[in-house]
Amino acid sequence: MAFSMKKSMVAKIVDISLVMLLAACASEQRYKRQVNDSNEEYLKTPSLHTLSSPLGMSLPPQSNDYEIPFAPLHGAIGKDLDIQLPAQLLALPDSSR
């Protein structure tokens, strides 16, 4: 009797866990495709400009090892930006299976 009671308790726990897992996976996914609209202050940032130093100030030696080249912005930003996963899945090479 005690064994069957433990077995039924384990079965209930497994059933409840499965239902919770399926409910979590089936929740609304639209929020993952949109930029968080609660804070769009980053859209108001001024554009970058060249760093200037006062005359007579000695600057340390400059290295271009970590220089980030300027790239003009093309495409959507803010609420127009679509951040969802690509619709087409990448094909895996045969050797990776």
Foldseek 3Di string as FASTA:
>chain_A
DVVVVVVVVVVVVVVVVVVVVVVVVPDDDPVVFFDPPPDDVVVVDDDDDDDDDDPPDDDDDDDCPPPDDDDDDDDDDHGRHTDDDDPDDDDDDPVVD
